[in-house]
Amino acid sequence: MHILMVMTSHDQLGDSGKKTGLWLEEFAAPYYVLKDAGATITLASPQGGKPPIDPNSVDPDALTPATERFSGDTDAQTQFANTHELKNFSALEFDAVFYPGGHGPLWDLAEDSDSIRLIEDMIATNKPVAAVCHAPGVLRHAKTSDGQPLVSGKRVTGFSNSEEAAVQLTNIVPFLVEDMLKANGGDYRKADDWQVHVETDGLFITGQNPASSAATAEALLALLQRSLH
């Protein structure tokens, strides 16, 4: 079971002058769910090297057992500091791909041609794509071979408009994940703000928010274990 985790390289929160990047829990929780299940994990980002971490995700109130474990895991930290460049990989090399969120992906991965190609190729070769929180934004431009949005007709979730409003970034982000998924024909579902919510539809696994990080990875594992047996 070889899984590619793709993370943002973008660290600017629009024109706000504030920093953004990856939300640490959304990397750490899935990383350990997958690793503890025996998966081989490869880390990639558009620019390679260490992905930027959203400073808010390392505030004391945002820390979780998974982020605490990561902070004491020198092997994982070394791997994280040396992500590979995404352009060097193809869908043929992996059984699944997982996208952690944070606001960063809305700027880079959503528009990244290598990421879009990877997602399209994964689905075309019957391999699952999982994304949590803002990371379903990476599906924005991904299309089927006949030019339809990949999420069209699929049950999907992602960071909701009400959650974006709660963190007061509605007017900062380049697009709203909920609105984009609906505009692309997705059957968008959500739970109440900050509650665990995951949708699995075919090869797509999406989680709504940081609280859904581990559950999204668990849903991916369940799908992989069914397909590999």
Protein backbone atom coordinates (compact mmCIF):
# COMPACT_ATOMS: atom_id res chain seq x y z
CA MET A 1 0.00 0.00 0.00
CA HIS A 2 1.88 3.03 -1.30
CA ILE A 3 0.22 6.39 -0.68
CA LEU A 4 1.26 9.81 -1.93
CA MET A 5 0.48 12.76 0.34
CA VAL A 6 0.48 16.07 -1.53
CA MET A 7 0.91 19.30 0.40
CA THR A 8 0.85 22.98 -0.40
CA SER A 9 3.91 25.16 -1.01
CA HIS A 10 1.92 28.40 -0.65
CA ASP A 11 2.39 30.52 2.49
CA GLN A 12 0.64 33.86 1.82
CA LEU A 13 -2.97 34.40 2.93
CA GLY A 14 -4.04 36.45 -0.08
CA ASP A 15 -3.34 40.16 0.39
CA SER A 16 -3.89 40.03 4.15
CA GLY A 17 -0.17 40.11 4.96
CA LYS A 18 -0.70 37.00 7.08
CA LYS A 19 0.89 33.60 6.68
CA THR A 20 -0.90 30.41 5.74
CA GLY A 21 0.06 26.97 4.46
CA LEU A 22 -0.74 23.46 5.58
CA TRP A 23 -2.96 22.78 8.62
CA LEU A 24 -0.73 20.56 10.73
CA GLU A 25 -3.46 18.28 12.17
CA GLU A 26 -4.67 17.54 8.63
CA PHE A 27 -1.23 16.16 7.79
CA ALA A 28 -0.32 14.52 11.09
CA ALA A 29 -3.54 12.63 11.82
CA PRO A 30 -3.85 11.01 8.37
CA TYR A 31 -0.10 10.34 8.23
CA TYR A 32 -0.24 8.23 11.38
CA VAL A 33 -3.54 6.53 10.51
CA LEU A 34 -1.99 5.39 7.23
CA LYS A 35 1.48 4.66 8.60
CA ASP A 36 0.15 2.62 11.52
CA ALA A 37 -1.84 0.54 9.02
CA GLY A 38 1.41 -0.37 7.27
CA ALA A 39 1.26 2.05 4.35
CA THR A 40 4.40 3.33 2.68
CA ILE A 41 3.98 7.12 2.50
CA THR A 42 5.69 9.46 0.05
CA LEU A 43 5.42 13.22 0.63
CA ALA A 44 5.31 15.73 -2.21
CA SER A 45 4.59 19.42 -2.82
CA PRO A 46 4.75 21.69 -5.87
CA GLN A 47 8.09 23.21 -4.90
CA GLY A 48 9.54 20.34 -2.85
CA GLY A 49 11.28 20.88 0.48
CA LYS A 50 9.46 21.78 3.68
CA PRO A 51 5.82 22.81 3.27
CA PRO A 52 4.75 25.99 5.08
CA ILE A 53 2.68 25.34 8.20
CA ASP A 54 -0.22 27.66 9.04
CA PRO A 55 0.89 29.37 12.28
CA ASN A 56 -2.65 29.06 13.69
CA SER A 57 -2.42 25.27 13.43
CA VAL A 58 0.41 25.13 15.96
CA ASP A 59 -1.41 27.27 18.55
CA PRO A 60 -1.87 25.31 21.80
CA ASP A 61 -5.63 24.99 21.25
CA ALA A 62 -5.09 23.49 17.77
CA LEU A 63 -2.68 20.78 18.90
CA THR A 64 -3.86 17.16 18.98
CA PRO A 65 -2.33 13.80 19.94
CA ALA A 66 -1.27 13.40 16.30
CA THR A 67 0.50 16.77 16.14
CA GLU A 68 2.18 16.05 19.48
CA ARG A 69 3.36 12.69 18.15
CA PHE A 70 4.72 14.39 15.03
CA SER A 71 6.63 16.96 17.09
CA GLY A 72 8.51 14.10 18.76
CA ASP A 73 9.01 12.00 15.62
CA THR A 74 12.40 12.84 14.09
CA ASP A 75 11.93 10.46 11.15
CA ALA A 76 8.60 12.02 10.17
CA GLN A 77 10.01 15.52 10.62
CA THR A 78 12.95 14.73 8.34
CA GLN A 79 10.58 13.33 5.73
CA PHE A 80 8.33 16.41 6.06
CA ALA A 81 11.27 18.80 5.67
CA ASN A 82 12.32 17.12 2.43
CA THR A 83 9.17 16.61 0.38
CA HIS A 84 9.71 15.64 -3.25
CA GLU A 85 8.65 17.83 -6.15
CA LEU A 86 5.20 16.77 -7.27
CA LYS A 87 6.09 16.94 -10.98
CA ASN A 88 8.40 13.92 -10.56
CA PHE A 89 5.57 11.48 -9.80
CA SER A 90 2.87 9.71 -11.75
CA ALA A 91 -0.34 7.94 -10.76
CA LEU A 92 1.24 4.63 -11.79
CA GLU A 93 3.50 4.67 -8.71
CA PHE A 94 0.80 4.85 -6.03
CA ASP A 95 -2.31 3.08 -4.78
CA ALA A 96 -3.94 6.32 -3.57
CA VAL A 97 -3.32 10.02 -3.05
CA PHE A 98 -4.19 12.07 0.04
CA TYR A 99 -4.37 15.88 0.15
CA PRO A 100 -4.20 17.56 3.59
CA GLY A 101 -5.83 20.97 3.83
CA GLY A 102 -5.02 24.36 5.20
CA HIS A 103 -5.79 27.46 3.15
CA GLY A 104 -2.60 27.16 1.09
CA PRO A 105 -3.95 24.62 -1.46
CA LEU A 106 -6.64 27.07 -2.60
CA TRP A 107 -3.89 29.17 -4.17
CA ASP A 108 -1.38 26.66 -5.51
CA LEU A 109 -2.63 23.08 -5.72
CA ALA A 110 -6.07 24.05 -7.04
CA GLU A 111 -4.36 25.61 -10.06
CA ASP A 112 -1.32 23.30 -10.31
CA SER A 113 -1.17 21.42 -13.64
CA ASP A 114 0.86 18.55 -12.13
CA SER A 115 -1.70 18.08 -9.35
CA ILE A 116 -4.64 18.27 -11.75
CA ARG A 117 -3.02 15.69 -14.04
CA LEU A 118 -2.27 13.41 -11.08
CA ILE A 119 -5.89 13.52 -9.86
CA GLU A 120 -7.28 12.88 -13.34
CA ASP A 121 -4.86 9.98 -13.89
CA MET A 122 -5.61 8.44 -10.48
CA ILE A 123 -9.34 8.39 -11.17
CA ALA A 124 -8.80 7.15 -14.75
CA THR A 125 -6.77 4.21 -13.41
CA ASN A 126 -9.36 3.39 -10.73
CA LYS A 127 -7.35 4.67 -7.76
CA PRO A 128 -8.81 6.72 -4.89
CA VAL A 129 -8.27 10.42 -4.23
CA ALA A 130 -8.80 11.67 -0.66
CA ALA A 131 -8.83 15.30 0.49
CA VAL A 132 -9.78 17.03 3.73
CA CYS A 133 -11.03 20.49 4.72
CA HIS A 134 -9.78 23.03 2.12
CA ALA A 135 -8.00 20.36 0.10
CA PRO A 136 -11.12 19.35 -1.88
CA GLY A 137 -10.35 22.67 -3.56
CA VAL A 138 -7.71 20.74 -5.53
CA LEU A 139 -10.60 19.17 -7.49
CA ARG A 140 -11.57 22.56 -8.94
CA HIS A 141 -10.21 22.04 -12.47
CA ALA A 142 -9.97 18.23 -12.58
CA LYS A 143 -12.05 16.81 -15.43
CA THR A 144 -13.11 13.51 -16.93
CA SER A 145 -11.85 12.45 -20.37
CA ASP A 146 -14.96 14.01 -21.92
CA GLY A 147 -14.39 17.35 -20.19
CA GLN A 148 -16.89 17.14 -17.33
CA PRO A 149 -15.84 18.15 -13.81
CA LEU A 150 -14.68 15.03 -11.97
CA VAL A 151 -16.90 15.82 -8.97
CA SER A 152 -20.05 16.21 -11.06
CA GLY A 153 -22.76 13.98 -9.60
CA LYS A 154 -20.51 12.84 -6.73
CA ARG A 155 -21.29 13.16 -3.02
CA VAL A 156 -18.57 15.43 -1.68
CA THR A 157 -17.80 17.62 1.30
CA GLY A 158 -15.17 20.18 2.28
CA PHE A 159 -14.76 23.30 4.40
CA SER A 160 -18.22 24.86 4.50
CA ASN A 161 -19.17 28.46 3.77
CA SER A 162 -20.29 28.84 7.39
CA GLU A 163 -16.94 27.55 8.68
CA GLU A 164 -15.08 29.98 6.39
CA ALA A 165 -17.28 32.78 7.71
CA ALA A 166 -16.52 31.71 11.27
CA VAL A 167 -12.77 32.12 10.67
CA GLN A 168 -13.48 35.45 8.92
CA LEU A 169 -11.70 34.58 5.66
CA THR A 170 -14.66 34.55 3.26
CA ASN A 171 -13.39 37.69 1.51
CA ILE A 172 -9.71 36.65 1.58
CA VAL A 173 -9.78 33.22 -0.06
CA PRO A 174 -9.70 32.96 -3.88
CA PHE A 175 -12.84 30.80 -3.84
CA LEU A 176 -15.13 29.06 -1.36
CA VAL A 177 -14.77 25.27 -1.35
CA GLU A 178 -18.49 24.63 -0.83
CA ASP A 179 -19.53 26.99 -3.62
CA MET A 180 -16.94 25.56 -6.04
CA LEU A 181 -17.97 21.94 -5.43
CA LYS A 182 -21.62 22.85 -6.00
CA ALA A 183 -20.77 24.88 -9.13
CA ASN A 184 -18.92 21.85 -10.53
CA GLY A 185 -22.02 19.71 -10.10
CA GLY A 186 -20.98 18.03 -6.86
CA ASP A 187 -23.63 16.80 -4.45
CA TYR A 188 -22.23 18.77 -1.53
CA ARG A 189 -23.07 17.49 1.98
CA LYS A 190 -22.02 18.84 5.36
CA ALA A 191 -22.48 18.44 9.08
CA ASP A 192 -22.69 21.27 11.61
CA ASP A 193 -19.59 23.46 11.81
CA TRP A 194 -16.49 21.70 13.20
CA GLN A 195 -18.18 18.27 13.43
CA VAL A 196 -16.64 15.15 11.93
CA HIS A 197 -18.05 14.53 8.45
CA VAL A 198 -16.69 12.36 5.63
CA GLU A 199 -18.20 11.46 2.26
CA THR A 200 -17.11 8.46 0.20
CA ASP A 201 -18.48 8.20 -3.33
CA GLY A 202 -16.71 5.81 -5.66
CA LEU A 203 -13.04 6.79 -5.70
CA PHE A 204 -13.58 10.16 -3.98
CA ILE A 205 -13.15 10.53 -0.22
CA THR A 206 -13.60 14.01 1.20
CA GLY A 207 -13.60 15.34 4.77
CA GLN A 208 -15.22 18.57 5.89
CA ASN A 209 -12.80 20.16 8.36
CA PRO A 210 -9.78 19.55 10.65
CA ALA A 211 -11.87 17.37 12.96
CA SER A 212 -12.45 15.03 10.00
CA SER A 213 -8.74 14.44 9.26
CA ALA A 214 -8.33 11.01 10.86
CA ALA A 215 -11.76 9.83 9.72
CA THR A 216 -10.95 10.75 6.11
CA ALA A 217 -7.78 8.66 6.25
CA GLU A 218 -9.70 5.79 7.87
CA ALA A 219 -12.26 5.91 5.04
CA LEU A 220 -9.42 5.80 2.51
CA LEU A 221 -7.92 2.79 4.26
CA ALA A 222 -11.27 1.00 4.25
CA LEU A 223 -11.62 1.61 0.52
CA LEU A 224 -8.09 0.42 -0.19
CA GLN A 225 -8.47 -2.70 1.92
CA ARG A 226 -11.64 -3.62 0.03
CA SER A 227 -9.99 -3.08 -3.36
CA LEU A 228 -6.73 -4.88 -2.50
CA HIS A 229 -8.47 -8.06 -1.28
